[in-house]
């Protein structure tokens, strides 16, 4: 029971700390954001916020915020021409004297001496103060937040395929808002040799069909691309729900078992050809990126813009 309790507390502390980092980023220049205010933004009492954030990071919320602001001040002293008092106020100190005491305790010398030393060539470049949480000021105005886990090249590749399958599903769902005429209207911007007379529906069918086609190739099953021409939007969604998880599972296995350099014989080609699993995944992502952008452009023309450019940046940040 004690182990379960400890694990639960650790998980709660980690979750609270993740939320706190988001609050902190928006509170760096809010000088009314003391420990009690930061706790209220987490919907916790000051006591519980301090306890959970300290458990996860080694620092209570207010202390962590003060440290990050001092790191920012150290950076600005060297990289801006702001006078010391302005830097002090930006760091949340009401007087130059209080700022100087805090700065000297943290960095070992006064703000003025820090600036002179840095600009004379003996720069104290380590403006980040060692901290267990590894949350630091990141120039010019953000936070450096450590990854919650180590990500390998294989993890990145798996995430790219996961993003692709997710985004195709989002595109299919948004396309349901189009009229039949919009769904079948020619997509004017295309690339010769990739898709013939593309429409939103045909592009979505190919995006999903491409996964099914390669799954069939890897398992020596026949696949007729011409069948995709008759797929309705509902059929496209149903087929994606079926093949998406299967394709993702295969990519995960190839990555986990270091099999991307293994070859398979694609008997659906005439004559049959050998491909590597890694080459196949790269091929899927390359042509899929082109088709996704065309569909996103058509959706945007129809006033459906909530997916933006389908960029994996935001998707990956939310997962992290």
C-alpha atoms as a PDB file:
ATOM      1  CA  UNK A   1       0.000   0.000   0.000  1.00  0.00           C
ATOM      2  CA  UNK A   2       2.850   2.368   0.817  1.00  0.00           C
ATOM      3  CA  UNK A   3       4.353   1.837  -2.650  1.00  0.00           C
ATOM      4  CA  UNK A   4       1.034   2.618  -4.340  1.00  0.00           C
ATOM      5  CA  UNK A   5       0.684   5.746  -2.226  1.00  0.00           C
ATOM      6  CA  UNK A   6       4.187   6.923  -3.090  1.00  0.00           C
ATOM      7  CA  UNK A   7       3.617   6.305  -6.806  1.00  0.00           C
ATOM      8  CA  UNK A   8       0.342   8.222  -6.684  1.00  0.00           C
ATOM      9  CA  UNK A   9       1.980  11.178  -4.947  1.00  0.00           C
ATOM     10  CA  UNK A  10       4.836  11.176  -7.455  1.00  0.00           C
ATOM     11  CA  UNK A  11       2.398  11.121 -10.378  1.00  0.00           C
ATOM     12  CA  UNK A  12       0.323  13.933  -8.864  1.00  0.00           C
ATOM     13  CA  UNK A  13       3.436  16.033  -8.264  1.00  0.00           C
ATOM     14  CA  UNK A  14       4.612  15.520 -11.850  1.00  0.00           C
ATOM     15  CA  UNK A  15       1.199  16.448 -13.254  1.00  0.00           C
ATOM     16  CA  UNK A  16       1.004  19.542 -11.061  1.00  0.00           C
ATOM     17  CA  UNK A  17       4.509  20.579 -12.056  1.00  0.00           C
ATOM     18  CA  UNK A  18       3.656  20.247 -15.746  1.00  0.00           C
ATOM     19  CA  UNK A  19       0.664  22.543 -15.200  1.00  0.00           C
ATOM     20  CA  UNK A  20       2.792  24.914 -13.148  1.00  0.00           C
ATOM     21  CA  UNK A  21       5.326  25.331 -15.956  1.00  0.00           C
ATOM     22  CA  UNK A  22       2.501  26.474 -18.242  1.00  0.00           C
ATOM     23  CA  UNK A  23       1.326  28.957 -15.609  1.00  0.00           C
ATOM     24  CA  UNK A  24       4.879  30.154 -15.026  1.00  0.00           C
ATOM     25  CA  UNK A  25       5.495  30.958 -18.670  1.00  0.00           C
ATOM     26  CA  UNK A  26       2.537  33.325 -18.649  1.00  0.00           C
ATOM     27  CA  UNK A  27       3.460  34.867 -15.297  1.00  0.00           C
ATOM     28  CA  UNK A  28       7.071  35.923 -15.788  1.00  0.00           C
ATOM     29  CA  UNK A  29       6.133  39.579 -16.215  1.00  0.00           C
ATOM     30  CA  UNK A  30       3.205  39.545 -13.801  1.00  0.00           C
ATOM     31  CA  UNK A  31       4.825  40.928 -10.674  1.00  0.00           C
ATOM     32  CA  UNK A  32       1.685  40.331  -8.621  1.00  0.00           C
ATOM     33  CA  UNK A  33       2.149  36.598  -9.155  1.00  0.00           C
ATOM     34  CA  UNK A  34       3.544  35.618  -5.771  1.00  0.00           C
ATOM     35  CA  UNK A  35       3.393  32.084  -4.380  1.00  0.00           C
ATOM     36  CA  UNK A  36      -0.248  32.398  -3.348  1.00  0.00           C
ATOM     37  CA  UNK A  37      -1.269  33.745  -6.757  1.00  0.00           C
ATOM     38  CA  UNK A  38       0.585  31.002  -8.621  1.00  0.00           C
ATOM     39  CA  UNK A  39      -1.123  28.419  -6.415  1.00  0.00           C
ATOM     40  CA  UNK A  40      -4.543  29.912  -7.140  1.00  0.00           C
ATOM     41  CA  UNK A  41      -3.898  29.645 -10.875  1.00  0.00           C
ATOM     42  CA  UNK A  42      -3.251  25.955 -10.294  1.00  0.00           C
ATOM     43  CA  UNK A  43      -6.535  25.753  -8.329  1.00  0.00           C
ATOM     44  CA  UNK A  44      -4.586  24.624  -5.261  1.00  0.00           C
ATOM     45  CA  UNK A  45      -3.895  26.007  -1.828  1.00  0.00           C
ATOM     46  CA  UNK A  46      -0.489  27.609  -1.290  1.00  0.00           C
ATOM     47  CA  UNK A  47       0.480  24.692   0.951  1.00  0.00           C
ATOM     48  CA  UNK A  48      -0.411  21.995  -1.581  1.00  0.00           C
ATOM     49  CA  UNK A  49       1.096  23.857  -4.531  1.00  0.00           C
ATOM     50  CA  UNK A  50       4.371  24.353  -2.684  1.00  0.00           C
ATOM     51  CA  UNK A  51       4.452  20.727  -1.580  1.00  0.00           C
ATOM     52  CA  UNK A  52       3.738  19.211  -4.999  1.00  0.00           C
ATOM     53  CA  UNK A  53       5.914  21.547  -7.070  1.00  0.00           C
ATOM     54  CA  UNK A  54       8.790  21.171  -4.596  1.00  0.00           C
ATOM     55  CA  UNK A  55       8.429  17.380  -4.738  1.00  0.00           C
ATOM     56  CA  UNK A  56       8.735  17.407  -8.531  1.00  0.00           C
ATOM     57  CA  UNK A  57      11.332  20.151  -8.957  1.00  0.00           C
ATOM     58  CA  UNK A  58      13.174  20.706  -5.703  1.00  0.00           C
ATOM     59  CA  UNK A  59      11.911  24.303  -5.500  1.00  0.00           C
ATOM     60  CA  UNK A  60       8.625  25.842  -4.354  1.00  0.00           C
ATOM     61  CA  UNK A  61       6.775  27.782  -7.088  1.00  0.00           C
ATOM     62  CA  UNK A  62       7.777  31.290  -6.019  1.00  0.00           C
ATOM     63  CA  UNK A  63      11.439  30.355  -5.647  1.00  0.00           C
ATOM     64  CA  UNK A  64      11.511  28.721  -9.071  1.00  0.00           C
ATOM     65  CA  UNK A  65       9.959  31.816 -10.621  1.00  0.00           C
ATOM     66  CA  UNK A  66      12.500  34.101  -8.885  1.00  0.00           C
ATOM     67  CA  UNK A  67      15.370  31.954 -10.142  1.00  0.00           C
ATOM     68  CA  UNK A  68      14.134  32.027 -13.728  1.00  0.00           C
ATOM     69  CA  UNK A  69      13.692  35.807 -13.541  1.00  0.00           C
ATOM     70  CA  UNK A  70      17.237  36.183 -12.223  1.00  0.00           C
ATOM     71  CA  UNK A  71      18.501  34.028 -15.101  1.00  0.00           C
ATOM     72  CA  UNK A  72      16.653  36.332 -17.501  1.00  0.00           C
ATOM     73  CA  UNK A  73      18.149  39.353 -15.763  1.00  0.00           C
ATOM     74  CA  UNK A  74      21.666  37.898 -16.103  1.00  0.00           C
ATOM     75  CA  UNK A  75      21.069  37.393 -19.802  1.00  0.00           C
ATOM     76  CA  UNK A  76      19.639  40.884 -20.325  1.00  0.00           C
ATOM     77  CA  UNK A  77      22.496  42.565 -18.494  1.00  0.00           C
ATOM     78  CA  UNK A  78      24.848  41.199 -21.129  1.00  0.00           C
ATOM     79  CA  UNK A  79      22.645  41.316 -24.223  1.00  0.00           C
ATOM     80  CA  UNK A  80      20.747  44.616 -23.815  1.00  0.00           C
ATOM     81  CA  UNK A  81      21.660  48.189 -22.948  1.00  0.00           C
ATOM     82  CA  UNK A  82      18.966  48.437 -20.256  1.00  0.00           C
ATOM     83  CA  UNK A  83      20.256  50.112 -17.114  1.00  0.00           C
ATOM     84  CA  UNK A  84      20.522  47.951 -14.016  1.00  0.00           C
ATOM     85  CA  UNK A  85      17.445  49.460 -12.376  1.00  0.00           C
ATOM     86  CA  UNK A  86      15.283  48.614 -15.394  1.00  0.00           C
ATOM     87  CA  UNK A  87      16.580  45.042 -15.383  1.00  0.00           C
ATOM     88  CA  UNK A  88      15.847  44.889 -11.646  1.00  0.00           C
ATOM     89  CA  UNK A  89      12.245  46.036 -12.127  1.00  0.00           C
ATOM     90  CA  UNK A  90      11.764  43.566 -14.994  1.00  0.00           C
ATOM     91  CA  UNK A  91      12.937  40.845 -12.597  1.00  0.00           C
ATOM     92  CA  UNK A  92      10.321  41.874 -10.035  1.00  0.00           C
ATOM     93  CA  UNK A  93      12.504  43.847  -7.608  1.00  0.00           C
ATOM     94  CA  UNK A  94      11.361  47.237  -6.343  1.00  0.00           C
ATOM     95  CA  UNK A  95      14.847  48.543  -5.611  1.00  0.00           C
ATOM     96  CA  UNK A  96      18.328  48.259  -7.031  1.00  0.00           C
ATOM     97  CA  UNK A  97      19.649  47.255  -3.613  1.00  0.00           C
ATOM     98  CA  UNK A  98      17.320  44.257  -3.225  1.00  0.00           C
ATOM     99  CA  UNK A  99      18.084  43.140  -6.773  1.00  0.00           C
ATOM    100  CA  UNK A 100      21.826  43.443  -6.233  1.00  0.00           C
ATOM    101  CA  UNK A 101      21.700  41.334  -3.050  1.00  0.00           C
ATOM    102  CA  UNK A 102      19.672  38.597  -4.744  1.00  0.00           C
ATOM    103  CA  UNK A 103      21.829  38.675  -7.878  1.00  0.00           C
ATOM    104  CA  UNK A 104      25.083  38.470  -5.909  1.00  0.00           C
ATOM    105  CA  UNK A 105      23.772  35.519  -3.871  1.00  0.00           C
ATOM    106  CA  UNK A 106      22.909  33.692  -7.080  1.00  0.00           C
ATOM    107  CA  UNK A 107      25.773  34.593  -9.413  1.00  0.00           C
ATOM    108  CA  UNK A 108      28.573  35.556  -7.034  1.00  0.00           C
ATOM    109  CA  UNK A 109      28.972  39.163  -8.140  1.00  0.00           C
ATOM    110  CA  UNK A 110      26.952  42.335  -8.532  1.00  0.00           C
ATOM    111  CA  UNK A 111      24.886  42.984 -11.671  1.00  0.00           C
ATOM    112  CA  UNK A 112      27.223  45.778 -12.744  1.00  0.00           C
ATOM    113  CA  UNK A 113      30.327  43.643 -12.336  1.00  0.00           C
ATOM    114  CA  UNK A 114      28.607  40.748 -14.178  1.00  0.00           C
ATOM    115  CA  UNK A 115      27.961  43.034 -17.148  1.00  0.00           C
ATOM    116  CA  UNK A 116      31.505  44.426 -17.189  1.00  0.00           C
ATOM    117  CA  UNK A 117      33.094  40.978 -16.904  1.00  0.00           C
ATOM    118  CA  UNK A 118      30.956  39.578 -19.699  1.00  0.00           C
ATOM    119  CA  UNK A 119      31.586  42.452 -22.081  1.00  0.00           C
ATOM    120  CA  UNK A 120      35.322  42.494 -21.440  1.00  0.00           C
ATOM    121  CA  UNK A 121      35.734  39.019 -22.868  1.00  0.00           C
ATOM    122  CA  UNK A 122      35.656  37.024 -19.660  1.00  0.00           C
ATOM    123  CA  UNK A 123      31.967  36.397 -20.172  1.00  0.00           C
ATOM    124  CA  UNK A 124      30.160  34.430 -17.459  1.00  0.00           C
ATOM    125  CA  UNK A 125      28.059  32.741 -20.099  1.00  0.00           C
ATOM    126  CA  UNK A 126      26.419  30.277 -17.702  1.00  0.00           C
ATOM    127  CA  UNK A 127      23.443  32.484 -16.833  1.00  0.00           C
ATOM    128  CA  UNK A 128      21.395  29.349 -16.158  1.00  0.00           C
ATOM    129  CA  UNK A 129      21.565  28.389 -12.496  1.00  0.00           C
ATOM    130  CA  UNK A 130      21.855  24.619 -11.872  1.00  0.00           C
ATOM    131  CA  UNK A 131      18.466  23.274 -10.810  1.00  0.00           C
ATOM    132  CA  UNK A 132      17.040  19.785 -10.426  1.00  0.00           C
ATOM    133  CA  UNK A 133      13.978  20.649 -12.501  1.00  0.00           C
ATOM    134  CA  UNK A 134      16.107  21.785 -15.487  1.00  0.00           C
ATOM    135  CA  UNK A 135      13.553  24.517 -16.147  1.00  0.00           C
ATOM    136  CA  UNK A 136      15.473  27.628 -17.168  1.00  0.00           C
ATOM    137  CA  UNK A 137      15.084  30.944 -18.937  1.00  0.00           C
ATOM    138  CA  UNK A 138      15.489  30.489 -22.685  1.00  0.00           C
ATOM    139  CA  UNK A 139      16.358  33.619 -24.714  1.00  0.00           C
ATOM    140  CA  UNK A 140      14.854  35.790 -25.882  1.00  0.00           C
ATOM    141  CA  UNK A 141      11.770  35.415 -23.691  1.00  0.00           C
ATOM    142  CA  UNK A 142      10.734  31.832 -23.115  1.00  0.00           C
ATOM    143  CA  UNK A 143      11.365  28.827 -20.938  1.00  0.00           C
ATOM    144  CA  UNK A 144      13.564  25.818 -21.519  1.00  0.00           C
ATOM    145  CA  UNK A 145      11.614  22.788 -20.328  1.00  0.00           C
ATOM    146  CA  UNK A 146      13.218  19.327 -20.216  1.00  0.00           C
ATOM    147  CA  UNK A 147      11.687  16.464 -22.136  1.00  0.00           C
ATOM    148  CA  UNK A 148       9.697  14.081 -19.957  1.00  0.00           C
ATOM    149  CA  UNK A 149      11.492  11.184 -21.656  1.00  0.00           C
ATOM    150  CA  UNK A 150      14.434  10.511 -23.954  1.00  0.00           C
ATOM    151  CA  UNK A 151      13.449  10.500 -27.626  1.00  0.00           C
ATOM    152  CA  UNK A 152      15.501   8.457 -30.068  1.00  0.00           C
ATOM    153  CA  UNK A 153      15.569   8.730 -33.845  1.00  0.00           C
ATOM    154  CA  UNK A 154      13.253   5.727 -33.979  1.00  0.00           C
ATOM    155  CA  UNK A 155      10.833   7.432 -31.568  1.00  0.00           C
ATOM    156  CA  UNK A 156      10.804  10.468 -33.857  1.00  0.00           C
ATOM    157  CA  UNK A 157      10.044   8.374 -36.916  1.00  0.00           C
ATOM    158  CA  UNK A 158       7.212   6.606 -35.093  1.00  0.00           C
ATOM    159  CA  UNK A 159       5.823   9.986 -34.036  1.00  0.00           C
ATOM    160  CA  UNK A 160       5.920  11.223 -37.646  1.00  0.00           C
ATOM    161  CA  UNK A 161       3.808   8.264 -38.757  1.00  0.00           C
ATOM    162  CA  UNK A 162       1.448   8.731 -35.804  1.00  0.00           C
ATOM    163  CA  UNK A 163       1.016  12.383 -36.770  1.00  0.00           C
ATOM    164  CA  UNK A 164       0.325  11.381 -40.363  1.00  0.00           C
ATOM    165  CA  UNK A 165      -2.397   8.887 -39.450  1.00  0.00           C
ATOM    166  CA  UNK A 166      -3.932  11.361 -36.980  1.00  0.00           C
ATOM    167  CA  UNK A 167      -3.929  14.232 -39.472  1.00  0.00           C
ATOM    168  CA  UNK A 168      -5.467  12.158 -42.252  1.00  0.00           C
ATOM    169  CA  UNK A 169      -8.300  11.319 -39.866  1.00  0.00           C
ATOM    170  CA  UNK A 170      -8.767  15.011 -39.096  1.00  0.00           C
ATOM    171  CA  UNK A 171      -8.827  15.834 -42.820  1.00  0.00           C
ATOM    172  CA  UNK A 172     -11.471  13.199 -43.486  1.00  0.00           C
ATOM    173  CA  UNK A 173     -13.610  14.546 -40.647  1.00  0.00           C
ATOM    174  CA  UNK A 174     -13.324  18.124 -41.897  1.00  0.00           C
ATOM    175  CA  UNK A 175     -14.132  17.053 -45.446  1.00  0.00           C
ATOM    176  CA  UNK A 176     -17.503  15.855 -44.161  1.00  0.00           C
ATOM    177  CA  UNK A 177     -18.410  19.543 -43.874  1.00  0.00           C
ATOM    178  CA  UNK A 178     -18.005  20.080 -47.619  1.00  0.00           C
ATOM    179  CA  UNK A 179     -20.785  19.934 -50.155  1.00  0.00           C
ATOM    180  CA  UNK A 180     -20.696  17.120 -52.722  1.00  0.00           C
ATOM    181  CA  UNK A 181     -19.644  19.697 -55.311  1.00  0.00           C
ATOM    182  CA  UNK A 182     -16.723  20.900 -53.171  1.00  0.00           C
ATOM    183  CA  UNK A 183     -15.718  17.342 -52.417  1.00  0.00           C
ATOM    184  CA  UNK A 184     -15.485  16.446 -56.108  1.00  0.00           C
ATOM    185  CA  UNK A 185     -14.167  19.784 -57.413  1.00  0.00           C
ATOM    186  CA  UNK A 186     -10.763  19.558 -59.124  1.00  0.00           C
ATOM    187  CA  UNK A 187      -7.814  20.578 -56.964  1.00  0.00           C
ATOM    188  CA  UNK A 188      -6.058  23.079 -59.184  1.00  0.00           C
ATOM    189  CA  UNK A 189      -2.555  22.972 -57.686  1.00  0.00           C
ATOM    190  CA  UNK A 190      -0.961  19.603 -58.235  1.00  0.00           C
ATOM    191  CA  UNK A 191       2.221  17.910 -59.395  1.00  0.00           C
ATOM    192  CA  UNK A 192       2.309  15.999 -62.648  1.00  0.00           C
ATOM    193  CA  UNK A 193       2.843  12.287 -62.282  1.00  0.00           C
ATOM    194  CA  UNK A 194       1.555  11.921 -58.714  1.00  0.00           C
ATOM    195  CA  UNK A 195      -2.233  12.097 -58.929  1.00  0.00           C
ATOM    196  CA  UNK A 196      -4.430  12.333 -62.002  1.00  0.00           C
ATOM    197  CA  UNK A 197      -7.233  14.932 -61.799  1.00  0.00           C
ATOM    198  CA  UNK A 198      -7.136  15.124 -57.978  1.00  0.00           C
ATOM    199  CA  UNK A 199     -10.148  16.091 -55.872  1.00  0.00           C
ATOM    200  CA  UNK A 200     -10.470  16.290 -52.108  1.00  0.00           C
ATOM    201  CA  UNK A 201     -12.212  12.916 -52.052  1.00  0.00           C
ATOM    202  CA  UNK A 202      -9.693  11.214 -54.347  1.00  0.00           C
ATOM    203  CA  UNK A 203      -6.754  12.610 -52.399  1.00  0.00           C
ATOM    204  CA  UNK A 204      -8.208  11.389 -49.115  1.00  0.00           C
ATOM    205  CA  UNK A 205      -8.894   8.003 -50.679  1.00  0.00           C
ATOM    206  CA  UNK A 206      -5.267   7.790 -51.833  1.00  0.00           C
ATOM    207  CA  UNK A 207      -3.946   8.870 -48.430  1.00  0.00           C
ATOM    208  CA  UNK A 208      -5.839   6.015 -46.787  1.00  0.00           C
ATOM    209  CA  UNK A 209      -5.410   3.617 -49.700  1.00  0.00           C
ATOM    210  CA  UNK A 210      -1.648   4.141 -49.646  1.00  0.00           C
ATOM    211  CA  UNK A 211      -1.516   2.642 -46.147  1.00  0.00           C
ATOM    212  CA  UNK A 212      -3.680  -0.298 -47.181  1.00  0.00           C
ATOM    213  CA  UNK A 213      -1.681  -0.802 -50.387  1.00  0.00           C
ATOM    214  CA  UNK A 214       1.654  -1.063 -48.587  1.00  0.00           C
ATOM    215  CA  UNK A 215       0.172  -3.285 -45.908  1.00  0.00           C
ATOM    216  CA  UNK A 216      -0.990  -5.605 -48.705  1.00  0.00           C
ATOM    217  CA  UNK A 217       2.429  -5.442 -50.370  1.00  0.00           C
ATOM    218  CA  UNK A 218       4.265  -6.389 -47.186  1.00  0.00           C
ATOM    219  CA  UNK A 219       1.976  -9.383 -46.706  1.00  0.00           C
ATOM    220  CA  UNK A 220       1.906 -10.470 -50.360  1.00  0.00           C
ATOM    221  CA  UNK A 221      -1.796  -9.728 -50.814  1.00  0.00           C
ATOM    222  CA  UNK A 222      -3.312  -8.258 -53.993  1.00  0.00           C
ATOM    223  CA  UNK A 223      -4.426  -4.632 -53.988  1.00  0.00           C
ATOM    224  CA  UNK A 224      -6.224  -2.716 -56.732  1.00  0.00           C
ATOM    225  CA  UNK A 225      -5.722   1.064 -56.522  1.00  0.00           C
ATOM    226  CA  UNK A 226      -8.625   1.534 -58.952  1.00  0.00           C
ATOM    227  CA  UNK A 227     -11.038   0.459 -56.214  1.00  0.00           C
ATOM    228  CA  UNK A 228     -10.295   3.706 -54.356  1.00  0.00           C
ATOM    229  CA  UNK A 229     -12.117   5.719 -57.045  1.00  0.00           C
ATOM    230  CA  UNK A 230     -15.473   4.446 -55.803  1.00  0.00           C
ATOM    231  CA  UNK A 231     -14.885   5.040 -52.092  1.00  0.00           C
ATOM    232  CA  UNK A 232     -17.305   7.423 -50.428  1.00  0.00           C
ATOM    233  CA  UNK A 233     -16.137   9.671 -47.601  1.00  0.00           C
ATOM    234  CA  UNK A 234     -17.775   7.339 -45.076  1.00  0.00           C
ATOM    235  CA  UNK A 235     -15.901   4.373 -46.566  1.00  0.00           C
ATOM    236  CA  UNK A 236     -12.636   6.328 -46.427  1.00  0.00           C
ATOM    237  CA  UNK A 237     -13.185   7.029 -42.725  1.00  0.00           C
ATOM    238  CA  UNK A 238     -14.057   3.384 -42.010  1.00  0.00           C
ATOM    239  CA  UNK A 239     -11.014   2.083 -43.891  1.00  0.00           C
ATOM    240  CA  UNK A 240      -8.726   4.521 -42.067  1.00  0.00           C
ATOM    241  CA  UNK A 241     -10.112   3.364 -38.716  1.00  0.00           C
ATOM    242  CA  UNK A 242      -9.195  -0.165 -39.765  1.00  0.00           C
ATOM    243  CA  UNK A 243      -5.828   0.267 -41.472  1.00  0.00           C
ATOM    244  CA  UNK A 244      -4.435   3.219 -39.478  1.00  0.00           C
ATOM    245  CA  UNK A 245      -3.765   1.292 -36.241  1.00  0.00           C
ATOM    246  CA  UNK A 246      -2.477  -1.720 -38.209  1.00  0.00           C
ATOM    247  CA  UNK A 247       0.049   0.384 -40.148  1.00  0.00           C
ATOM    248  CA  UNK A 248       1.131   2.209 -36.977  1.00  0.00           C
ATOM    249  CA  UNK A 249       1.666  -1.090 -35.190  1.00  0.00           C
ATOM    250  CA  UNK A 250       3.869  -2.321 -38.022  1.00  0.00           C
ATOM    251  CA  UNK A 251       6.010   0.822 -37.953  1.00  0.00           C
ATOM    252  CA  UNK A 252       6.391   0.513 -34.180  1.00  0.00           C
ATOM    253  CA  UNK A 253       7.528  -3.084 -34.537  1.00  0.00           C
ATOM    254  CA  UNK A 254      10.044  -2.242 -37.290  1.00  0.00           C
ATOM    255  CA  UNK A 255      11.474   0.500 -35.061  1.00  0.00           C
ATOM    256  CA  UNK A 256      11.537  -1.510 -31.840  1.00  0.00           C
ATOM    257  CA  UNK A 257      13.162  -4.495 -33.568  1.00  0.00           C
ATOM    258  CA  UNK A 258      15.654  -2.423 -35.660  1.00  0.00           C
ATOM    259  CA  UNK A 259      14.237  -3.836 -38.881  1.00  0.00           C
ATOM    260  CA  UNK A 260      14.049  -0.753 -41.110  1.00  0.00           C
ATOM    261  CA  UNK A 261      16.941  -2.016 -43.239  1.00  0.00           C
ATOM    262  CA  UNK A 262      15.263  -5.384 -43.846  1.00  0.00           C
ATOM    263  CA  UNK A 263      13.816  -5.939 -47.309  1.00  0.00           C
ATOM    264  CA  UNK A 264      10.546  -7.387 -48.489  1.00  0.00           C
ATOM    265  CA  UNK A 265       9.458  -8.414 -51.962  1.00  0.00           C
ATOM    266  CA  UNK A 266       6.578  -6.404 -53.383  1.00  0.00           C
ATOM    267  CA  UNK A 267       4.868  -8.941 -55.604  1.00  0.00           C
ATOM    268  CA  UNK A 268       2.218  -6.384 -56.634  1.00  0.00           C
ATOM    269  CA  UNK A 269       4.820  -4.638 -58.826  1.00  0.00           C
ATOM    270  CA  UNK A 270       5.417  -5.811 -62.375  1.00  0.00           C
ATOM    271  CA  UNK A 271       8.043  -7.177 -62.255  1.00  0.00           C
ATOM    272  CA  UNK A 272       8.224  -7.772 -58.465  1.00  0.00           C
ATOM    273  CA  UNK A 273      10.625  -5.462 -56.628  1.00  0.00           C
ATOM    274  CA  UNK A 274      12.447  -5.534 -53.300  1.00  0.00           C
ATOM    275  CA  UNK A 275      12.094  -2.599 -50.910  1.00  0.00           C
ATOM    276  CA  UNK A 276      13.326  -1.887 -47.407  1.00  0.00           C
ATOM    277  CA  UNK A 277      10.808  -1.206 -44.650  1.00  0.00           C
ATOM    278  CA  UNK A 278      12.516   2.114 -43.924  1.00  0.00           C
ATOM    279  CA  UNK A 279      12.337   3.161 -47.561  1.00  0.00           C
ATOM    280  CA  UNK A 280       8.656   2.252 -47.646  1.00  0.00           C
ATOM    281  CA  UNK A 281       7.892   4.437 -44.595  1.00  0.00           C
ATOM    282  CA  UNK A 282       9.877   7.352 -46.062  1.00  0.00           C
ATOM    283  CA  UNK A 283       7.970   6.944 -49.332  1.00  0.00           C
ATOM    284  CA  UNK A 284       4.611   6.994 -47.547  1.00  0.00           C
ATOM    285  CA  UNK A 285       5.431  10.138 -45.582  1.00  0.00           C
ATOM    286  CA  UNK A 286       6.892  11.968 -48.590  1.00  0.00           C
ATOM    287  CA  UNK A 287       3.912  11.541 -50.902  1.00  0.00           C
ATOM    288  CA  UNK A 288       1.423  11.854 -48.059  1.00  0.00           C
ATOM    289  CA  UNK A 289       2.833  15.270 -47.132  1.00  0.00           C
ATOM    290  CA  UNK A 290       2.106  16.515 -50.657  1.00  0.00           C
ATOM    291  CA  UNK A 291      -1.450  15.192 -50.654  1.00  0.00           C
ATOM    292  CA  UNK A 292      -2.202  16.475 -47.159  1.00  0.00           C
ATOM    293  CA  UNK A 293      -1.155  19.996 -48.131  1.00  0.00           C
ATOM    294  CA  UNK A 294      -3.437  19.898 -51.185  1.00  0.00           C
ATOM    295  CA  UNK A 295      -6.401  18.832 -49.052  1.00  0.00           C
ATOM    296  CA  UNK A 296      -5.604  21.453 -46.422  1.00  0.00           C
ATOM    297  CA  UNK A 297      -5.527  24.113 -49.128  1.00  0.00           C
ATOM    298  CA  UNK A 298      -8.894  22.995 -50.507  1.00  0.00           C
ATOM    299  CA  UNK A 299     -10.399  22.991 -47.000  1.00  0.00           C
ATOM    300  CA  UNK A 300      -9.023  26.474 -46.401  1.00  0.00           C
ATOM    301  CA  UNK A 301     -10.606  27.696 -49.639  1.00  0.00           C
ATOM    302  CA  UNK A 302     -13.885  26.315 -48.309  1.00  0.00           C
ATOM    303  CA  UNK A 303     -13.487  28.252 -45.052  1.00  0.00           C
ATOM    304  CA  UNK A 304     -12.364  25.303 -42.898  1.00  0.00           C
ATOM    305  CA  UNK A 305      -9.115  26.533 -41.364  1.00  0.00           C
ATOM    306  CA  UNK A 306      -8.893  25.076 -37.846  1.00  0.00           C
ATOM    307  CA  UNK A 307      -6.148  22.610 -38.818  1.00  0.00           C
ATOM    308  CA  UNK A 308      -3.917  25.397 -40.124  1.00  0.00           C
ATOM    309  CA  UNK A 309      -1.121  23.943 -42.202  1.00  0.00           C
ATOM    310  CA  UNK A 310      -1.303  20.569 -40.433  1.00  0.00           C
ATOM    311  CA  UNK A 311       2.139  21.286 -39.020  1.00  0.00           C
ATOM    312  CA  UNK A 312       3.415  18.562 -36.636  1.00  0.00           C
ATOM    313  CA  UNK A 313       5.069  21.236 -34.466  1.00  0.00           C
ATOM    314  CA  UNK A 314       1.950  22.015 -32.437  1.00  0.00           C
ATOM    315  CA  UNK A 315       0.860  18.373 -32.418  1.00  0.00           C
ATOM    316  CA  UNK A 316       4.221  17.265 -31.013  1.00  0.00           C
ATOM    317  CA  UNK A 317       4.264  20.085 -28.451  1.00  0.00           C
ATOM    318  CA  UNK A 318       0.853  19.077 -27.105  1.00  0.00           C
ATOM    319  CA  UNK A 319       2.015  15.461 -26.758  1.00  0.00           C
ATOM    320  CA  UNK A 320       5.139  16.592 -24.924  1.00  0.00           C
END
